[in-house]
């Protein structure tokens, strides 16, 4: 099946679950949260398709963040008010360093922050004590992508990946220095958060990184953001199935 058809099927799946919310989102405020957040996710990605790379990353991360709230609302693993997500739970620093060397770290386990709560739900690792480079997490994304240009030499270890309804990546993917492999949702979340934060707090530097005239990384960034538009709908639909039908 082509990626375009897979994407179209994913959007249909997401609209269908809005008509009949699954899992713990079947009724009440969790149902309204689920429906509203998925609607916001779709609108943000649709609008993001019509802007260039300098702005698209903001649409993608904000849409993903709202989809995360929908996933939490539907999750059978979240009882009481534990499904309510607050703050980000992830940090990005080092924007003045080489693009590939931007540092990403997480909040500790047990907080109500979005990245932490969803990582725990999906058995995906946190790394509050061992910050990771953007390049290392970029390599774990579940689609084949050109890495950002870097002056460093590396020979990463590899680990296989299989997930969901879409053949994300047939070849092995590099492993991070973590005890477990990142869930595909959390890999996308970490990379898009870091890029969005760079675009927001260092817009001039972000403009340089996305300029085809002056940036080594422009092609890699543009390709990543374009792939996100097609892969995130499939990933969100698959993850809702993963947490709501257990």
C-alpha atoms as a PDB file:
ATOM      1  CA  UNK A   1       0.000   0.000   0.000  1.00  0.00           C
ATOM      2  CA  UNK A   2       1.351   3.459  -0.899  1.00  0.00           C
ATOM      3  CA  UNK A   3       2.112   5.964   1.824  1.00  0.00           C
ATOM      4  CA  UNK A   4      -0.607   8.283   0.473  1.00  0.00           C
ATOM      5  CA  UNK A   5      -3.231   5.542   0.774  1.00  0.00           C
ATOM      6  CA  UNK A   6      -1.940   4.602   4.220  1.00  0.00           C
ATOM      7  CA  UNK A   7      -2.226   8.224   5.324  1.00  0.00           C
ATOM      8  CA  UNK A   8      -5.769   8.540   3.932  1.00  0.00           C
ATOM      9  CA  UNK A   9      -6.780   5.343   5.703  1.00  0.00           C
ATOM     10  CA  UNK A  10      -5.319   6.660   8.974  1.00  0.00           C
ATOM     11  CA  UNK A  11      -7.365   9.865   8.755  1.00  0.00           C
ATOM     12  CA  UNK A  12     -10.491   7.775   8.174  1.00  0.00           C
ATOM     13  CA  UNK A  13      -9.644   5.656  11.202  1.00  0.00           C
ATOM     14  CA  UNK A  14      -9.210   8.770  13.344  1.00  0.00           C
ATOM     15  CA  UNK A  15     -12.529  10.222  12.211  1.00  0.00           C
ATOM     16  CA  UNK A  16     -14.262   6.915  12.945  1.00  0.00           C
ATOM     17  CA  UNK A  17     -12.967   6.780  16.507  1.00  0.00           C
ATOM     18  CA  UNK A  18     -14.206  10.334  17.026  1.00  0.00           C
ATOM     19  CA  UNK A  19     -17.722   9.085  16.269  1.00  0.00           C
ATOM     20  CA  UNK A  20     -17.316   6.315  18.841  1.00  0.00           C
ATOM     21  CA  UNK A  21     -14.429   7.120  21.217  1.00  0.00           C
ATOM     22  CA  UNK A  22     -12.618   3.976  22.422  1.00  0.00           C
ATOM     23  CA  UNK A  23     -11.343   2.813  25.785  1.00  0.00           C
ATOM     24  CA  UNK A  24     -11.802   5.180  28.707  1.00  0.00           C
ATOM     25  CA  UNK A  25     -12.713   8.010  26.343  1.00  0.00           C
ATOM     26  CA  UNK A  26     -16.137   6.488  25.758  1.00  0.00           C
ATOM     27  CA  UNK A  27     -18.021   8.980  27.947  1.00  0.00           C
ATOM     28  CA  UNK A  28     -17.790  12.215  29.895  1.00  0.00           C
ATOM     29  CA  UNK A  29     -15.008  14.750  29.854  1.00  0.00           C
ATOM     30  CA  UNK A  30     -12.543  12.179  28.548  1.00  0.00           C
ATOM     31  CA  UNK A  31     -14.741  11.731  25.469  1.00  0.00           C
ATOM     32  CA  UNK A  32     -14.965  15.456  24.775  1.00  0.00           C
ATOM     33  CA  UNK A  33     -11.210  15.832  25.343  1.00  0.00           C
ATOM     34  CA  UNK A  34     -10.487  12.953  22.967  1.00  0.00           C
ATOM     35  CA  UNK A  35     -12.693  14.317  20.190  1.00  0.00           C
ATOM     36  CA  UNK A  36     -11.547  17.920  20.527  1.00  0.00           C
ATOM     37  CA  UNK A  37      -7.852  17.061  20.641  1.00  0.00           C
ATOM     38  CA  UNK A  38      -8.038  14.811  17.573  1.00  0.00           C
ATOM     39  CA  UNK A  39      -9.878  17.562  15.722  1.00  0.00           C
ATOM     40  CA  UNK A  40      -7.120  20.006  16.701  1.00  0.00           C
ATOM     41  CA  UNK A  41      -4.476  17.486  15.628  1.00  0.00           C
ATOM     42  CA  UNK A  42      -5.996  17.169  12.159  1.00  0.00           C
ATOM     43  CA  UNK A  43      -6.485  20.911  11.711  1.00  0.00           C
ATOM     44  CA  UNK A  44      -2.925  21.691  12.784  1.00  0.00           C
ATOM     45  CA  UNK A  45      -1.423  19.100  10.424  1.00  0.00           C
ATOM     46  CA  UNK A  46      -3.663  20.181   7.548  1.00  0.00           C
ATOM     47  CA  UNK A  47      -2.645  23.806   8.017  1.00  0.00           C
ATOM     48  CA  UNK A  48       0.983  22.779   8.459  1.00  0.00           C
ATOM     49  CA  UNK A  49       0.942  21.244   4.984  1.00  0.00           C
ATOM     50  CA  UNK A  50       0.424  24.714   3.495  1.00  0.00           C
ATOM     51  CA  UNK A  51       3.337  26.538   5.140  1.00  0.00           C
ATOM     52  CA  UNK A  52       7.078  26.198   4.627  1.00  0.00           C
ATOM     53  CA  UNK A  53       9.625  24.550   6.914  1.00  0.00           C
ATOM     54  CA  UNK A  54      10.210  27.686   8.960  1.00  0.00           C
ATOM     55  CA  UNK A  55       6.658  27.447  10.374  1.00  0.00           C
ATOM     56  CA  UNK A  56       5.615  23.850   9.735  1.00  0.00           C
ATOM     57  CA  UNK A  57       7.483  22.489  12.748  1.00  0.00           C
ATOM     58  CA  UNK A  58       5.295  24.563  15.109  1.00  0.00           C
ATOM     59  CA  UNK A  59       2.116  23.129  13.560  1.00  0.00           C
ATOM     60  CA  UNK A  60       3.489  19.597  13.765  1.00  0.00           C
ATOM     61  CA  UNK A  61       4.598  19.696  17.381  1.00  0.00           C
ATOM     62  CA  UNK A  62       1.457  21.470  18.620  1.00  0.00           C
ATOM     63  CA  UNK A  63      -0.672  18.946  16.730  1.00  0.00           C
ATOM     64  CA  UNK A  64       1.304  16.034  18.152  1.00  0.00           C
ATOM     65  CA  UNK A  65       0.953  17.436  21.662  1.00  0.00           C
ATOM     66  CA  UNK A  66      -2.829  17.568  21.306  1.00  0.00           C
ATOM     67  CA  UNK A  67      -2.910  14.064  19.867  1.00  0.00           C
ATOM     68  CA  UNK A  68      -0.991  12.952  22.946  1.00  0.00           C
ATOM     69  CA  UNK A  69      -3.823  14.280  25.109  1.00  0.00           C
ATOM     70  CA  UNK A  70      -6.301  12.282  23.041  1.00  0.00           C
ATOM     71  CA  UNK A  71      -4.196   9.144  23.522  1.00  0.00           C
ATOM     72  CA  UNK A  72      -4.079   9.738  27.281  1.00  0.00           C
ATOM     73  CA  UNK A  73      -7.853  10.267  27.424  1.00  0.00           C
ATOM     74  CA  UNK A  74      -8.475   6.913  25.717  1.00  0.00           C
ATOM     75  CA  UNK A  75      -5.826   4.929  27.604  1.00  0.00           C
ATOM     76  CA  UNK A  76      -7.092   2.045  29.716  1.00  0.00           C
ATOM     77  CA  UNK A  77      -3.899   2.360  31.742  1.00  0.00           C
ATOM     78  CA  UNK A  78      -4.833   5.811  33.076  1.00  0.00           C
ATOM     79  CA  UNK A  79      -7.371   5.815  35.896  1.00  0.00           C
ATOM     80  CA  UNK A  80      -8.816   8.703  37.890  1.00  0.00           C
ATOM     81  CA  UNK A  81      -7.133  11.982  36.880  1.00  0.00           C
ATOM     82  CA  UNK A  82      -3.842  10.448  35.782  1.00  0.00           C
ATOM     83  CA  UNK A  83      -4.844  10.932  32.137  1.00  0.00           C
ATOM     84  CA  UNK A  84      -4.633  14.728  32.454  1.00  0.00           C
ATOM     85  CA  UNK A  85      -1.321  15.932  31.068  1.00  0.00           C
ATOM     86  CA  UNK A  86       0.447  19.075  32.285  1.00  0.00           C
ATOM     87  CA  UNK A  87       3.612  20.768  30.988  1.00  0.00           C
ATOM     88  CA  UNK A  88       6.061  19.196  28.525  1.00  0.00           C
ATOM     89  CA  UNK A  89       8.325  16.920  30.580  1.00  0.00           C
ATOM     90  CA  UNK A  90      11.145  17.313  28.062  1.00  0.00           C
ATOM     91  CA  UNK A  91      13.840  19.949  27.576  1.00  0.00           C
ATOM     92  CA  UNK A  92      16.132  21.007  24.737  1.00  0.00           C
ATOM     93  CA  UNK A  93      19.296  23.072  25.235  1.00  0.00           C
ATOM     94  CA  UNK A  94      22.549  23.852  23.437  1.00  0.00           C
ATOM     95  CA  UNK A  95      20.991  25.768  20.563  1.00  0.00           C
ATOM     96  CA  UNK A  96      24.263  27.639  20.119  1.00  0.00           C
ATOM     97  CA  UNK A  97      26.134  24.388  19.437  1.00  0.00           C
ATOM     98  CA  UNK A  98      26.233  22.412  16.195  1.00  0.00           C
ATOM     99  CA  UNK A  99      22.712  21.512  15.038  1.00  0.00           C
ATOM    100  CA  UNK A 100      23.254  17.782  15.534  1.00  0.00           C
ATOM    101  CA  UNK A 101      24.574  18.417  19.057  1.00  0.00           C
ATOM    102  CA  UNK A 102      21.418  20.028  20.473  1.00  0.00           C
ATOM    103  CA  UNK A 103      20.855  18.279  23.813  1.00  0.00           C
ATOM    104  CA  UNK A 104      17.520  16.718  24.775  1.00  0.00           C
ATOM    105  CA  UNK A 105      16.647  15.513  28.283  1.00  0.00           C
ATOM    106  CA  UNK A 106      13.479  14.491  30.101  1.00  0.00           C
ATOM    107  CA  UNK A 107      11.877  15.093  33.458  1.00  0.00           C
ATOM    108  CA  UNK A 108      12.121  12.241  35.990  1.00  0.00           C
ATOM    109  CA  UNK A 109       9.552   9.437  36.161  1.00  0.00           C
ATOM    110  CA  UNK A 110       6.346   9.950  38.105  1.00  0.00           C
ATOM    111  CA  UNK A 111       5.428  13.470  37.026  1.00  0.00           C
ATOM    112  CA  UNK A 112       2.236  14.440  35.194  1.00  0.00           C
ATOM    113  CA  UNK A 113       4.129  16.012  32.293  1.00  0.00           C
ATOM    114  CA  UNK A 114       3.095  14.886  28.825  1.00  0.00           C
ATOM    115  CA  UNK A 115       6.334  13.254  27.705  1.00  0.00           C
ATOM    116  CA  UNK A 116       6.824  11.447  31.008  1.00  0.00           C
ATOM    117  CA  UNK A 117       3.267  10.185  31.386  1.00  0.00           C
ATOM    118  CA  UNK A 118       3.010   8.942  27.799  1.00  0.00           C
ATOM    119  CA  UNK A 119       6.461   7.331  27.926  1.00  0.00           C
ATOM    120  CA  UNK A 120       5.448   5.387  31.021  1.00  0.00           C
ATOM    121  CA  UNK A 121       2.171   4.379  29.384  1.00  0.00           C
ATOM    122  CA  UNK A 122       3.993   3.082  26.307  1.00  0.00           C
ATOM    123  CA  UNK A 123       6.954   1.478  28.143  1.00  0.00           C
ATOM    124  CA  UNK A 124       9.322   3.927  26.479  1.00  0.00           C
ATOM    125  CA  UNK A 125      12.459   4.992  28.375  1.00  0.00           C
ATOM    126  CA  UNK A 126      13.159   8.336  30.016  1.00  0.00           C
ATOM    127  CA  UNK A 127      16.674   9.760  30.236  1.00  0.00           C
ATOM    128  CA  UNK A 128      16.684  12.594  32.752  1.00  0.00           C
ATOM    129  CA  UNK A 129      20.198  11.757  33.971  1.00  0.00           C
ATOM    130  CA  UNK A 130      21.801  11.062  30.549  1.00  0.00           C
ATOM    131  CA  UNK A 131      20.931  13.813  28.047  1.00  0.00           C
ATOM    132  CA  UNK A 132      20.900  12.679  24.420  1.00  0.00           C
ATOM    133  CA  UNK A 133      21.975  14.520  21.270  1.00  0.00           C
ATOM    134  CA  UNK A 134      19.419  15.463  18.637  1.00  0.00           C
ATOM    135  CA  UNK A 135      21.300  13.392  16.065  1.00  0.00           C
ATOM    136  CA  UNK A 136      21.057  10.243  18.205  1.00  0.00           C
ATOM    137  CA  UNK A 137      17.303  10.529  18.646  1.00  0.00           C
ATOM    138  CA  UNK A 138      16.803  11.574  15.014  1.00  0.00           C
ATOM    139  CA  UNK A 139      18.357   8.231  14.026  1.00  0.00           C
ATOM    140  CA  UNK A 140      15.664   6.305  15.928  1.00  0.00           C
ATOM    141  CA  UNK A 141      12.740   7.808  14.000  1.00  0.00           C
ATOM    142  CA  UNK A 142      10.666   5.021  12.431  1.00  0.00           C
ATOM    143  CA  UNK A 143      11.136   6.240   8.855  1.00  0.00           C
ATOM    144  CA  UNK A 144      14.270   6.251   6.701  1.00  0.00           C
ATOM    145  CA  UNK A 145      15.571   9.822   6.775  1.00  0.00           C
ATOM    146  CA  UNK A 146      18.781  11.580   5.864  1.00  0.00           C
ATOM    147  CA  UNK A 147      20.552  12.625   9.095  1.00  0.00           C
ATOM    148  CA  UNK A 148      21.508  16.239   9.743  1.00  0.00           C
ATOM    149  CA  UNK A 149      24.982  17.067   8.452  1.00  0.00           C
ATOM    150  CA  UNK A 150      27.582  16.765  11.187  1.00  0.00           C
ATOM    151  CA  UNK A 151      31.311  17.069  11.581  1.00  0.00           C
ATOM    152  CA  UNK A 152      31.446  14.177  14.048  1.00  0.00           C
ATOM    153  CA  UNK A 153      32.244  10.607  13.010  1.00  0.00           C
ATOM    154  CA  UNK A 154      30.042   7.874  14.409  1.00  0.00           C
ATOM    155  CA  UNK A 155      29.312   4.206  13.919  1.00  0.00           C
ATOM    156  CA  UNK A 156      26.049   3.555  15.770  1.00  0.00           C
ATOM    157  CA  UNK A 157      24.840   0.219  17.032  1.00  0.00           C
ATOM    158  CA  UNK A 158      21.670  -1.068  15.442  1.00  0.00           C
ATOM    159  CA  UNK A 159      18.396  -2.476  16.708  1.00  0.00           C
ATOM    160  CA  UNK A 160      15.378  -3.713  14.679  1.00  0.00           C
ATOM    161  CA  UNK A 161      12.010  -1.914  14.703  1.00  0.00           C
ATOM    162  CA  UNK A 162       8.519  -3.129  13.831  1.00  0.00           C
ATOM    163  CA  UNK A 163       5.411  -1.134  14.708  1.00  0.00           C
ATOM    164  CA  UNK A 164       1.824  -0.655  13.642  1.00  0.00           C
ATOM    165  CA  UNK A 165       0.080  -0.676  10.296  1.00  0.00           C
ATOM    166  CA  UNK A 166       2.730   1.097   8.255  1.00  0.00           C
ATOM    167  CA  UNK A 167       6.101  -0.369   7.182  1.00  0.00           C
ATOM    168  CA  UNK A 168       7.946   2.477   8.871  1.00  0.00           C
ATOM    169  CA  UNK A 169      11.428   1.210   8.329  1.00  0.00           C
ATOM    170  CA  UNK A 170      12.595  -2.068   6.899  1.00  0.00           C
ATOM    171  CA  UNK A 171      16.282  -1.743   7.743  1.00  0.00           C
ATOM    172  CA  UNK A 172      17.631  -1.723  11.315  1.00  0.00           C
ATOM    173  CA  UNK A 173      17.748   1.605  13.131  1.00  0.00           C
ATOM    174  CA  UNK A 174      20.492   2.953  15.395  1.00  0.00           C
ATOM    175  CA  UNK A 175      20.121   2.279  19.098  1.00  0.00           C
ATOM    176  CA  UNK A 176      20.470   5.066  21.667  1.00  0.00           C
ATOM    177  CA  UNK A 177      22.388   4.680  24.951  1.00  0.00           C
ATOM    178  CA  UNK A 178      19.130   3.666  26.652  1.00  0.00           C
ATOM    179  CA  UNK A 179      18.060   0.425  28.272  1.00  0.00           C
ATOM    180  CA  UNK A 180      14.962   0.239  26.054  1.00  0.00           C
ATOM    181  CA  UNK A 181      14.135   1.337  22.530  1.00  0.00           C
ATOM    182  CA  UNK A 182      12.143   4.530  22.182  1.00  0.00           C
ATOM    183  CA  UNK A 183       8.514   4.067  21.228  1.00  0.00           C
ATOM    184  CA  UNK A 184       7.990   5.609  17.743  1.00  0.00           C
ATOM    185  CA  UNK A 185       5.607   8.206  19.186  1.00  0.00           C
ATOM    186  CA  UNK A 186       8.172   9.369  21.725  1.00  0.00           C
ATOM    187  CA  UNK A 187      10.982   9.475  19.159  1.00  0.00           C
ATOM    188  CA  UNK A 188       8.923  11.802  16.966  1.00  0.00           C
ATOM    189  CA  UNK A 189       7.880  13.798  20.040  1.00  0.00           C
ATOM    190  CA  UNK A 190      11.461  14.398  21.187  1.00  0.00           C
ATOM    191  CA  UNK A 191      12.753  15.480  17.779  1.00  0.00           C
ATOM    192  CA  UNK A 192       9.803  17.735  16.941  1.00  0.00           C
ATOM    193  CA  UNK A 193       9.895  19.304  20.403  1.00  0.00           C
ATOM    194  CA  UNK A 194      13.573  20.176  20.029  1.00  0.00           C
ATOM    195  CA  UNK A 195      13.072  21.656  16.556  1.00  0.00           C
ATOM    196  CA  UNK A 196       9.961  23.574  17.632  1.00  0.00           C
ATOM    197  CA  UNK A 197      11.763  24.992  20.667  1.00  0.00           C
ATOM    198  CA  UNK A 198      14.679  26.046  18.464  1.00  0.00           C
ATOM    199  CA  UNK A 199      12.269  27.783  16.072  1.00  0.00           C
ATOM    200  CA  UNK A 200      10.559  29.587  18.967  1.00  0.00           C
ATOM    201  CA  UNK A 201      13.502  30.721  21.123  1.00  0.00           C
ATOM    202  CA  UNK A 202      16.167  31.108  18.416  1.00  0.00           C
ATOM    203  CA  UNK A 203      14.167  32.057  15.299  1.00  0.00           C
ATOM    204  CA  UNK A 204      17.148  33.615  13.522  1.00  0.00           C
ATOM    205  CA  UNK A 205      19.240  30.461  14.021  1.00  0.00           C
ATOM    206  CA  UNK A 206      16.276  28.300  12.929  1.00  0.00           C
ATOM    207  CA  UNK A 207      15.956  30.410   9.768  1.00  0.00           C
ATOM    208  CA  UNK A 208      19.609  29.694   8.989  1.00  0.00           C
ATOM    209  CA  UNK A 209      19.104  25.943   9.508  1.00  0.00           C
ATOM    210  CA  UNK A 210      16.106  25.874   7.141  1.00  0.00           C
ATOM    211  CA  UNK A 211      17.541  28.110   4.416  1.00  0.00           C
ATOM    212  CA  UNK A 212      18.566  26.179   1.310  1.00  0.00           C
ATOM    213  CA  UNK A 213      20.951  29.002   0.510  1.00  0.00           C
ATOM    214  CA  UNK A 214      23.057  28.839   3.669  1.00  0.00           C
ATOM    215  CA  UNK A 215      22.272  25.694   5.678  1.00  0.00           C
ATOM    216  CA  UNK A 216      23.858  22.271   5.625  1.00  0.00           C
ATOM    217  CA  UNK A 217      20.769  20.865   7.326  1.00  0.00           C
ATOM    218  CA  UNK A 218      17.955  22.372   5.240  1.00  0.00           C
ATOM    219  CA  UNK A 219      17.286  19.297   3.103  1.00  0.00           C
ATOM    220  CA  UNK A 220      17.277  16.931   6.095  1.00  0.00           C
ATOM    221  CA  UNK A 221      14.943  19.213   8.083  1.00  0.00           C
ATOM    222  CA  UNK A 222      12.571  19.693   5.150  1.00  0.00           C
ATOM    223  CA  UNK A 223      12.424  15.951   4.486  1.00  0.00           C
ATOM    224  CA  UNK A 224      11.768  15.165   8.151  1.00  0.00           C
ATOM    225  CA  UNK A 225       8.909  17.675   8.403  1.00  0.00           C
ATOM    226  CA  UNK A 226       7.356  16.429   5.165  1.00  0.00           C
ATOM    227  CA  UNK A 227       7.525  12.813   6.366  1.00  0.00           C
ATOM    228  CA  UNK A 228       5.924  13.826   9.665  1.00  0.00           C
ATOM    229  CA  UNK A 229       2.850  15.071   7.816  1.00  0.00           C
ATOM    230  CA  UNK A 230       2.239  11.603   6.355  1.00  0.00           C
ATOM    231  CA  UNK A 231       3.450   9.368   9.193  1.00  0.00           C
ATOM    232  CA  UNK A 232       1.992  11.042  12.262  1.00  0.00           C
ATOM    233  CA  UNK A 233      -1.675  10.296  11.373  1.00  0.00           C
ATOM    234  CA  UNK A 234      -0.819   6.597  11.029  1.00  0.00           C
ATOM    235  CA  UNK A 235       1.213   6.587  14.219  1.00  0.00           C
ATOM    236  CA  UNK A 236      -1.519   8.306  16.236  1.00  0.00           C
ATOM    237  CA  UNK A 237      -4.183   5.899  14.961  1.00  0.00           C
ATOM    238  CA  UNK A 238      -1.961   2.912  15.781  1.00  0.00           C
ATOM    239  CA  UNK A 239      -1.112   4.228  19.242  1.00  0.00           C
ATOM    240  CA  UNK A 240      -4.779   4.806  20.101  1.00  0.00           C
ATOM    241  CA  UNK A 241      -5.414   1.158  19.197  1.00  0.00           C
ATOM    242  CA  UNK A 242      -2.437   0.158  21.334  1.00  0.00           C
ATOM    243  CA  UNK A 243      -3.639   1.897  24.527  1.00  0.00           C
ATOM    244  CA  UNK A 244      -7.440   1.742  24.209  1.00  0.00           C
ATOM    245  CA  UNK A 245      -7.935  -1.874  23.165  1.00  0.00           C
ATOM    246  CA  UNK A 246      -6.001  -3.888  25.752  1.00  0.00           C
END
